[in-house]
Amino acid sequence: MNESHHVEGADRRGRWIVTVDHASNRVPPEIGGGSLGLPPEDMARHIAWDPGAAGTARALGRLLDAPVVMSNFSRLVIDPNRGEDDPTLVMRLYDGSIIPANRHVDRSEVERRLNAYYRPYHAAIARLADARNDPVLLAVHSFTPQFRGRPPRPWHVGVLYAGDTRLALPLIARLRDEPDLCVGDNEPYTGHLEGDAMDRHGVKTGRPHVLIEIRNDLIATPEAEIAWAERLAPMLDAALAIAQV
């Protein structure tokens, strides 16, 4: 386990590389003694990480014979799914919660966090991708069923993408064949932020890629994580076969 990331199954030889940008709610000890000043109930919420995403991704990695790269720091420390110049790279307020340790973060502290956590995580993804002839990138995220003061979100799963729809569209079609699923097409978020993880490793490199968002109440137990992975793995392989990339 690296301070910034963890790689599981680095020697797996499938085409997929699975990434989890928000795998952990850990705050490194050098930041506020391991605390951002938030109560434990806030650190357990989606504002600090993507609950269920890491377990689902690890199960997908086993099923797809794919390495899995997981962050080892909270998104509130620094968000690896943002560009380095994005104003939300280090959040000061998120879904009604003020992050005390981030209120007065200056540029030098942002740069320190970039070098300690953000850049090593992305370097690990790049190394794995560069070592393969034809890598395909899968980012796994989860989303909250409802933001504070906002309507409930109806989607069970969303597929996010930017300009490259080679994998996304056949995956959406396959998911929509499932009568019990409400599937988001670039919902509940837009699929492209300049400098985000898929932009960095997929769009800018031309590698096939797709991002999946699963509603976090649906992957709240280890059994549910495995069940979703078992459901998604054949759909992902089918989408890859259709895409012919």
C-alpha atoms as a PDB file:
ATOM      1  CA  MET A   1       0.000   0.000   0.000  1.00  0.00           C
ATOM      2  CA  ASN A   2       1.423   3.340  -1.104  1.00  0.00           C
ATOM      3  CA  GLU A   3       0.690   6.556   0.789  1.00  0.00           C
ATOM      4  CA  SER A   4      -1.243   7.794  -2.239  1.00  0.00           C
ATOM      5  CA  HIS A   5      -2.647   4.657  -3.865  1.00  0.00           C
ATOM      6  CA  HIS A   6      -2.966   0.894  -3.891  1.00  0.00           C
ATOM      7  CA  VAL A   7      -2.688  -1.398  -6.922  1.00  0.00           C
ATOM      8  CA  GLU A   8      -4.349  -4.796  -6.773  1.00  0.00           C
ATOM      9  CA  GLY A   9      -3.590  -7.429  -9.402  1.00  0.00           C
ATOM     10  CA  ALA A  10      -0.850  -5.515 -11.210  1.00  0.00           C
ATOM     11  CA  ASP A  11       0.164  -8.710 -13.049  1.00  0.00           C
ATOM     12  CA  ARG A  12      -3.320  -9.443 -14.420  1.00  0.00           C
ATOM     13  CA  ARG A  13      -3.259  -9.439 -18.200  1.00  0.00           C
ATOM     14  CA  GLY A  14      -6.783  -8.553 -19.293  1.00  0.00           C
ATOM     15  CA  ARG A  15      -7.297  -5.425 -21.368  1.00  0.00           C
ATOM     16  CA  TRP A  16      -9.249  -3.556 -18.726  1.00  0.00           C
ATOM     17  CA  ILE A  17      -7.629  -1.263 -16.166  1.00  0.00           C
ATOM     18  CA  VAL A  18     -10.064  -0.431 -13.360  1.00  0.00           C
ATOM     19  CA  THR A  19      -9.608   2.809 -11.428  1.00  0.00           C
ATOM     20  CA  VAL A  20     -11.254   4.162  -8.299  1.00  0.00           C
ATOM     21  CA  ASP A  21     -10.582   7.870  -7.837  1.00  0.00           C
ATOM     22  CA  HIS A  22     -12.537   8.110  -4.583  1.00  0.00           C
ATOM     23  CA  ALA A  23     -11.765   4.732  -3.022  1.00  0.00           C
ATOM     24  CA  SER A  24     -10.924   5.913   0.496  1.00  0.00           C
ATOM     25  CA  ASN A  25     -11.972   8.416   3.146  1.00  0.00           C
ATOM     26  CA  ARG A  26      -8.522   8.290   4.752  1.00  0.00           C
ATOM     27  CA  VAL A  27      -6.840  11.520   5.814  1.00  0.00           C
ATOM     28  CA  PRO A  28      -3.032  11.139   5.942  1.00  0.00           C
ATOM     29  CA  PRO A  29      -1.541  11.810   9.409  1.00  0.00           C
ATOM     30  CA  GLU A  30       0.464  14.796   8.199  1.00  0.00           C
ATOM     31  CA  ILE A  31      -2.804  16.637   7.513  1.00  0.00           C
ATOM     32  CA  GLY A  32      -4.267  17.776  10.824  1.00  0.00           C
ATOM     33  CA  GLY A  33      -3.041  14.640  12.559  1.00  0.00           C
ATOM     34  CA  GLY A  34      -5.250  12.589  10.265  1.00  0.00           C
ATOM     35  CA  SER A  35      -8.323  14.795  10.526  1.00  0.00           C
ATOM     36  CA  LEU A  36      -9.893  17.479   8.377  1.00  0.00           C
ATOM     37  CA  GLY A  37     -11.897  18.677  11.367  1.00  0.00           C
ATOM     38  CA  LEU A  38     -15.096  16.968  10.255  1.00  0.00           C
ATOM     39  CA  PRO A  39     -17.130  14.649  12.503  1.00  0.00           C
ATOM     40  CA  PRO A  40     -17.007  10.914  11.732  1.00  0.00           C
ATOM     41  CA  GLU A  41     -20.521  10.953  10.300  1.00  0.00           C
ATOM     42  CA  ASP A  42     -19.437  13.467   7.649  1.00  0.00           C
ATOM     43  CA  MET A  43     -16.294  11.496   6.817  1.00  0.00           C
ATOM     44  CA  ALA A  44     -18.507   8.440   6.270  1.00  0.00           C
ATOM     45  CA  ARG A  45     -20.650  10.338   3.736  1.00  0.00           C
ATOM     46  CA  HIS A  46     -20.200  10.639  -0.006  1.00  0.00           C
ATOM     47  CA  ILE A  47     -18.499  14.007   0.465  1.00  0.00           C
ATOM     48  CA  ALA A  48     -15.340  12.230   1.655  1.00  0.00           C
ATOM     49  CA  TRP A  49     -15.274   9.224  -0.718  1.00  0.00           C
ATOM     50  CA  ASP A  50     -17.408   6.971  -2.926  1.00  0.00           C
ATOM     51  CA  PRO A  51     -18.873   4.327  -0.590  1.00  0.00           C
ATOM     52  CA  GLY A  52     -18.966   0.887  -2.184  1.00  0.00           C
ATOM     53  CA  ALA A  53     -16.875   1.833  -5.203  1.00  0.00           C
ATOM     54  CA  ALA A  54     -13.639   0.170  -4.092  1.00  0.00           C
ATOM     55  CA  GLY A  55     -15.280  -3.144  -3.207  1.00  0.00           C
ATOM     56  CA  THR A  56     -17.198  -3.217  -6.473  1.00  0.00           C
ATOM     57  CA  ALA A  57     -14.066  -2.355  -8.444  1.00  0.00           C
ATOM     58  CA  ARG A  58     -11.995  -5.030  -6.723  1.00  0.00           C
ATOM     59  CA  ALA A  59     -14.623  -7.639  -7.587  1.00  0.00           C
ATOM     60  CA  LEU A  60     -14.711  -6.368 -11.178  1.00  0.00           C
ATOM     61  CA  GLY A  61     -10.934  -6.612 -11.335  1.00  0.00           C
ATOM     62  CA  ARG A  62     -11.064 -10.285 -10.414  1.00  0.00           C
ATOM     63  CA  LEU A  63     -13.844 -10.997 -12.918  1.00  0.00           C
ATOM     64  CA  LEU A  64     -12.237  -9.049 -15.774  1.00  0.00           C
ATOM     65  CA  ASP A  65      -8.654 -10.197 -15.014  1.00  0.00           C
ATOM     66  CA  ALA A  66      -7.838  -6.519 -14.631  1.00  0.00           C
ATOM     67  CA  PRO A  67      -5.545  -4.536 -12.355  1.00  0.00           C
ATOM     68  CA  VAL A  68      -7.313  -2.115 -10.026  1.00  0.00           C
ATOM     69  CA  VAL A  69      -5.798   1.224  -9.016  1.00  0.00           C
ATOM     70  CA  MET A  70      -7.382   2.782  -5.926  1.00  0.00           C
ATOM     71  CA  SER A  71      -6.705   6.110  -4.267  1.00  0.00           C
ATOM     72  CA  ASN A  72      -5.576   5.978  -0.635  1.00  0.00           C
ATOM     73  CA  PHE A  73      -6.756   9.440   0.411  1.00  0.00           C
ATOM     74  CA  SER A  74     -10.058  11.230   0.800  1.00  0.00           C
ATOM     75  CA  ARG A  75     -11.348  13.333  -2.052  1.00  0.00           C
ATOM     76  CA  LEU A  76     -11.516  16.146   0.517  1.00  0.00           C
ATOM     77  CA  VAL A  77      -7.723  16.044   0.868  1.00  0.00           C
ATOM     78  CA  ILE A  78      -7.444  16.630  -2.861  1.00  0.00           C
ATOM     79  CA  ASP A  79      -9.730  15.345  -5.610  1.00  0.00           C
ATOM     80  CA  PRO A  80      -7.974  13.171  -8.204  1.00  0.00           C
ATOM     81  CA  ASN A  81     -11.004  13.447 -10.483  1.00  0.00           C
ATOM     82  CA  ARG A  82     -10.409  17.156 -11.071  1.00  0.00           C
ATOM     83  CA  GLY A  83      -7.894  19.019 -13.175  1.00  0.00           C
ATOM     84  CA  GLU A  84      -4.962  20.531 -11.339  1.00  0.00           C
ATOM     85  CA  ASP A  85      -6.300  24.038 -11.908  1.00  0.00           C
ATOM     86  CA  ASP A  86      -9.955  23.216 -11.126  1.00  0.00           C
ATOM     87  CA  PRO A  87     -11.378  25.458  -8.375  1.00  0.00           C
ATOM     88  CA  THR A  88     -12.970  22.398  -6.723  1.00  0.00           C
ATOM     89  CA  LEU A  89      -9.653  20.519  -6.505  1.00  0.00           C
ATOM     90  CA  VAL A  90      -9.598  21.145  -2.738  1.00  0.00           C
ATOM     91  CA  MET A  91     -13.133  21.597  -1.469  1.00  0.00           C
ATOM     92  CA  ARG A  92     -13.907  24.052   1.309  1.00  0.00           C
ATOM     93  CA  LEU A  93     -17.665  23.415   1.366  1.00  0.00           C
ATOM     94  CA  TYR A  94     -19.449  20.313   0.099  1.00  0.00           C
ATOM     95  CA  ASP A  95     -23.125  19.378   0.358  1.00  0.00           C
ATOM     96  CA  GLY A  96     -23.697  21.597   3.372  1.00  0.00           C
ATOM     97  CA  SER A  97     -20.531  20.696   5.291  1.00  0.00           C
ATOM     98  CA  ILE A  98     -17.652  23.146   5.800  1.00  0.00           C
ATOM     99  CA  ILE A  99     -14.260  21.407   5.713  1.00  0.00           C
ATOM    100  CA  PRO A 100     -12.327  23.166   8.499  1.00  0.00           C
ATOM    101  CA  ALA A 101      -8.824  22.011   7.515  1.00  0.00           C
ATOM    102  CA  ASN A 102      -9.328  23.311   3.962  1.00  0.00           C
ATOM    103  CA  ARG A 103     -10.678  26.762   4.764  1.00  0.00           C
ATOM    104  CA  HIS A 104      -7.280  28.461   4.632  1.00  0.00           C
ATOM    105  CA  VAL A 105      -5.345  26.139   2.321  1.00  0.00           C
ATOM    106  CA  ASP A 106      -2.900  28.172   0.222  1.00  0.00           C
ATOM    107  CA  ARG A 107      -1.213  27.411  -3.068  1.00  0.00           C
ATOM    108  CA  SER A 108       1.884  25.910  -1.461  1.00  0.00           C
ATOM    109  CA  GLU A 109      -0.248  23.417   0.485  1.00  0.00           C
ATOM    110  CA  VAL A 110      -2.213  22.529  -2.643  1.00  0.00           C
ATOM    111  CA  GLU A 111       1.085  21.889  -4.445  1.00  0.00           C
ATOM    112  CA  ARG A 112       2.290  19.718  -1.569  1.00  0.00           C
ATOM    113  CA  ARG A 113      -0.885  17.630  -1.732  1.00  0.00           C
ATOM    114  CA  LEU A 114      -0.586  17.364  -5.513  1.00  0.00           C
ATOM    115  CA  ASN A 115       2.935  15.980  -5.191  1.00  0.00           C
ATOM    116  CA  ALA A 116       2.210  13.695  -2.244  1.00  0.00           C
ATOM    117  CA  TYR A 117      -1.104  12.147  -3.304  1.00  0.00           C
ATOM    118  CA  TYR A 118      -2.670  13.280  -6.571  1.00  0.00           C
ATOM    119  CA  ARG A 119       0.269  12.967  -8.964  1.00  0.00           C
ATOM    120  CA  PRO A 120       1.550   9.588  -7.700  1.00  0.00           C
ATOM    121  CA  TYR A 121      -1.956   8.137  -8.063  1.00  0.00           C
ATOM    122  CA  HIS A 122      -2.206   9.296 -11.663  1.00  0.00           C
ATOM    123  CA  ALA A 123       1.359   8.167 -12.379  1.00  0.00           C
ATOM    124  CA  ALA A 124       0.410   4.645 -11.260  1.00  0.00           C
ATOM    125  CA  ILE A 125      -2.496   4.567 -13.731  1.00  0.00           C
ATOM    126  CA  ALA A 126      -0.271   5.878 -16.520  1.00  0.00           C
ATOM    127  CA  ARG A 127       2.418   3.255 -15.820  1.00  0.00           C
ATOM    128  CA  LEU A 128      -0.071   0.394 -16.034  1.00  0.00           C
ATOM    129  CA  ALA A 129      -1.622   1.780 -19.222  1.00  0.00           C
ATOM    130  CA  ASP A 130       1.747   2.429 -20.870  1.00  0.00           C
ATOM    131  CA  ALA A 131       2.861  -1.133 -20.141  1.00  0.00           C
ATOM    132  CA  ARG A 132      -0.023  -2.568 -22.210  1.00  0.00           C
ATOM    133  CA  ASN A 133      -0.480  -2.561 -25.959  1.00  0.00           C
ATOM    134  CA  ASP A 134      -4.246  -2.011 -25.980  1.00  0.00           C
ATOM    135  CA  PRO A 135      -5.530  -0.916 -22.553  1.00  0.00           C
ATOM    136  CA  VAL A 136      -9.164  -0.072 -21.904  1.00  0.00           C
ATOM    137  CA  LEU A 137      -9.978   2.162 -18.946  1.00  0.00           C
ATOM    138  CA  LEU A 138     -12.914   1.689 -16.584  1.00  0.00           C
ATOM    139  CA  ALA A 139     -13.484   4.219 -13.810  1.00  0.00           C
ATOM    140  CA  VAL A 140     -15.807   3.119 -10.994  1.00  0.00           C
ATOM    141  CA  HIS A 141     -17.634   5.696  -8.882  1.00  0.00           C
ATOM    142  CA  SER A 142     -20.693   5.810  -6.637  1.00  0.00           C
ATOM    143  CA  PHE A 143     -23.149   8.628  -6.043  1.00  0.00           C
ATOM    144  CA  THR A 144     -25.425   9.642  -3.213  1.00  0.00           C
ATOM    145  CA  PRO A 145     -29.164   8.957  -3.604  1.00  0.00           C
ATOM    146  CA  GLN A 146     -29.917  12.536  -2.583  1.00  0.00           C
ATOM    147  CA  PHE A 147     -28.094  15.785  -1.889  1.00  0.00           C
ATOM    148  CA  ARG A 148     -29.276  17.766   1.090  1.00  0.00           C
ATOM    149  CA  GLY A 149     -32.324  19.843   0.195  1.00  0.00           C
ATOM    150  CA  ARG A 150     -32.599  18.389  -3.303  1.00  0.00           C
ATOM    151  CA  PRO A 151     -34.926  15.815  -4.898  1.00  0.00           C
ATOM    152  CA  PRO A 152     -34.067  12.108  -4.764  1.00  0.00           C
ATOM    153  CA  ARG A 153     -32.110  10.804  -7.721  1.00  0.00           C
ATOM    154  CA  PRO A 154     -33.953   8.127  -9.695  1.00  0.00           C
ATOM    155  CA  TRP A 155     -31.004   6.428 -11.397  1.00  0.00           C
ATOM    156  CA  HIS A 156     -29.582   3.118 -10.234  1.00  0.00           C
ATOM    157  CA  VAL A 157     -26.517   3.427 -12.427  1.00  0.00           C
ATOM    158  CA  GLY A 158     -25.119   6.038 -14.773  1.00  0.00           C
ATOM    159  CA  VAL A 159     -22.645   5.846 -17.641  1.00  0.00           C
ATOM    160  CA  LEU A 160     -20.481   8.927 -18.135  1.00  0.00           C
ATOM    161  CA  TYR A 161     -18.464   9.878 -21.172  1.00  0.00           C
ATOM    162  CA  ALA A 162     -17.198  12.851 -23.149  1.00  0.00           C
ATOM    163  CA  GLY A 163     -16.611  12.786 -26.898  1.00  0.00           C
ATOM    164  CA  ASP A 164     -15.612   9.118 -27.103  1.00  0.00           C
ATOM    165  CA  THR A 165     -18.815   7.047 -27.082  1.00  0.00           C
ATOM    166  CA  ARG A 166     -17.361   3.788 -28.404  1.00  0.00           C
ATOM    167  CA  LEU A 167     -17.789   1.956 -25.107  1.00  0.00           C
ATOM    168  CA  ALA A 168     -20.375   4.151 -23.423  1.00  0.00           C
ATOM    169  CA  LEU A 169     -23.209   3.784 -25.931  1.00  0.00           C
ATOM    170  CA  PRO A 170     -23.175  -0.020 -26.202  1.00  0.00           C
ATOM    171  CA  LEU A 171     -22.888  -0.247 -22.418  1.00  0.00           C
ATOM    172  CA  ILE A 172     -25.883   2.064 -21.932  1.00  0.00           C
ATOM    173  CA  ALA A 173     -27.873  -0.003 -24.422  1.00  0.00           C
ATOM    174  CA  ARG A 174     -27.014  -3.214 -22.601  1.00  0.00           C
ATOM    175  CA  LEU A 175     -27.904  -1.749 -19.204  1.00  0.00           C
ATOM    176  CA  ARG A 176     -31.228  -0.480 -20.563  1.00  0.00           C
ATOM    177  CA  ASP A 177     -32.116  -4.020 -21.571  1.00  0.00           C
ATOM    178  CA  GLU A 178     -32.447  -4.706 -17.850  1.00  0.00           C
ATOM    179  CA  PRO A 179     -36.090  -3.921 -16.953  1.00  0.00           C
ATOM    180  CA  ASP A 180     -35.361  -3.213 -13.284  1.00  0.00           C
ATOM    181  CA  LEU A 181     -32.724  -0.528 -13.902  1.00  0.00           C
ATOM    182  CA  CYS A 182     -33.072   3.219 -14.317  1.00  0.00           C
ATOM    183  CA  VAL A 183     -29.976   4.097 -16.325  1.00  0.00           C
ATOM    184  CA  GLY A 184     -28.439   7.555 -16.594  1.00  0.00           C
ATOM    185  CA  ASP A 185     -26.896   8.726 -19.862  1.00  0.00           C
ATOM    186  CA  ASN A 186     -24.317  11.252 -18.615  1.00  0.00           C
ATOM    187  CA  GLU A 187     -26.375  11.394 -15.413  1.00  0.00           C
ATOM    188  CA  PRO A 188     -26.218  12.214 -12.544  1.00  0.00           C
ATOM    189  CA  TYR A 189     -23.116  14.121 -13.659  1.00  0.00           C
ATOM    190  CA  THR A 190     -21.644  15.323 -16.908  1.00  0.00           C
ATOM    191  CA  GLY A 191     -19.083  12.960 -18.348  1.00  0.00           C
ATOM    192  CA  HIS A 192     -16.383  15.489 -19.087  1.00  0.00           C
ATOM    193  CA  LEU A 193     -14.510  17.901 -16.904  1.00  0.00           C
ATOM    194  CA  GLU A 194     -11.319  19.317 -18.374  1.00  0.00           C
ATOM    195  CA  GLY A 195      -8.413  17.564 -16.692  1.00  0.00           C
ATOM    196  CA  ASP A 196     -10.476  14.931 -14.866  1.00  0.00           C
ATOM    197  CA  ALA A 197      -9.211  11.362 -14.631  1.00  0.00           C
ATOM    198  CA  MET A 198     -10.851  10.057 -17.798  1.00  0.00           C
ATOM    199  CA  ASP A 199      -9.872  13.188 -19.696  1.00  0.00           C
ATOM    200  CA  ARG A 200      -6.278  12.702 -18.575  1.00  0.00           C
ATOM    201  CA  HIS A 201      -5.977   8.975 -19.230  1.00  0.00           C
ATOM    202  CA  GLY A 202      -8.636   8.377 -21.893  1.00  0.00           C
ATOM    203  CA  VAL A 203      -9.610  11.435 -23.927  1.00  0.00           C
ATOM    204  CA  LYS A 204      -6.131  12.906 -24.234  1.00  0.00           C
ATOM    205  CA  THR A 205      -4.472   9.556 -24.965  1.00  0.00           C
ATOM    206  CA  GLY A 206      -7.147   8.209 -27.323  1.00  0.00           C
ATOM    207  CA  ARG A 207      -7.568   5.073 -25.221  1.00  0.00           C
ATOM    208  CA  PRO A 208     -11.056   3.533 -25.019  1.00  0.00           C
ATOM    209  CA  HIS A 209     -12.624   4.421 -21.692  1.00  0.00           C
ATOM    210  CA  VAL A 210     -15.868   4.639 -19.773  1.00  0.00           C
ATOM    211  CA  LEU A 211     -16.968   5.752 -16.314  1.00  0.00           C
ATOM    212  CA  ILE A 212     -19.677   3.994 -14.301  1.00  0.00           C
ATOM    213  CA  GLU A 213     -21.556   5.612 -11.403  1.00  0.00           C
ATOM    214  CA  ILE A 214     -23.554   3.304  -9.114  1.00  0.00           C
ATOM    215  CA  ARG A 215     -25.973   4.670  -6.524  1.00  0.00           C
ATOM    216  CA  ASN A 216     -24.239   4.023  -3.241  1.00  0.00           C
ATOM    217  CA  ASP A 217     -27.213   2.598  -1.348  1.00  0.00           C
ATOM    218  CA  LEU A 218     -27.198  -0.257  -3.872  1.00  0.00           C
ATOM    219  CA  ILE A 219     -23.612  -1.262  -3.015  1.00  0.00           C
ATOM    220  CA  ALA A 220     -23.751  -0.761   0.744  1.00  0.00           C
ATOM    221  CA  THR A 221     -22.630  -4.298   1.677  1.00  0.00           C
ATOM    222  CA  PRO A 222     -19.851  -6.593   0.441  1.00  0.00           C
ATOM    223  CA  GLU A 223     -22.483  -8.950  -0.963  1.00  0.00           C
ATOM    224  CA  ALA A 224     -24.091  -6.119  -2.938  1.00  0.00           C
ATOM    225  CA  GLU A 225     -20.712  -5.003  -4.278  1.00  0.00           C
ATOM    226  CA  ILE A 226     -20.012  -8.493  -5.575  1.00  0.00           C
ATOM    227  CA  ALA A 227     -23.508  -8.848  -7.019  1.00  0.00           C
ATOM    228  CA  TRP A 228     -23.163  -5.607  -8.976  1.00  0.00           C
ATOM    229  CA  ALA A 229     -19.723  -6.598 -10.216  1.00  0.00           C
ATOM    230  CA  GLU A 230     -21.076  -9.939 -11.396  1.00  0.00           C
ATOM    231  CA  ARG A 231     -23.876  -8.124 -13.184  1.00  0.00           C
ATOM    232  CA  LEU A 232     -21.648  -5.516 -14.805  1.00  0.00           C
ATOM    233  CA  ALA A 233     -18.677  -7.634 -15.882  1.00  0.00           C
ATOM    234  CA  PRO A 234     -20.396  -9.471 -18.763  1.00  0.00           C
ATOM    235  CA  MET A 235     -22.018  -6.219 -19.909  1.00  0.00           C
ATOM    236  CA  LEU A 236     -18.631  -4.517 -20.007  1.00  0.00           C
ATOM    237  CA  ASP A 237     -17.092  -7.338 -22.020  1.00  0.00           C
ATOM    238  CA  ALA A 238     -20.084  -7.315 -24.380  1.00  0.00           C
ATOM    239  CA  ALA A 239     -19.776  -3.540 -24.862  1.00  0.00           C
ATOM    240  CA  LEU A 240     -16.066  -3.951 -25.592  1.00  0.00           C
ATOM    241  CA  ALA A 241     -16.812  -6.635 -28.183  1.00  0.00           C
ATOM    242  CA  ILE A 242     -19.399  -4.417 -29.875  1.00  0.00           C
ATOM    243  CA  ALA A 243     -17.080  -1.407 -29.823  1.00  0.00           C
ATOM    244  CA  GLN A 244     -14.334  -3.383 -31.588  1.00  0.00           C
ATOM    245  CA  VAL A 245     -11.623  -1.149 -30.209  1.00  0.00           C
END
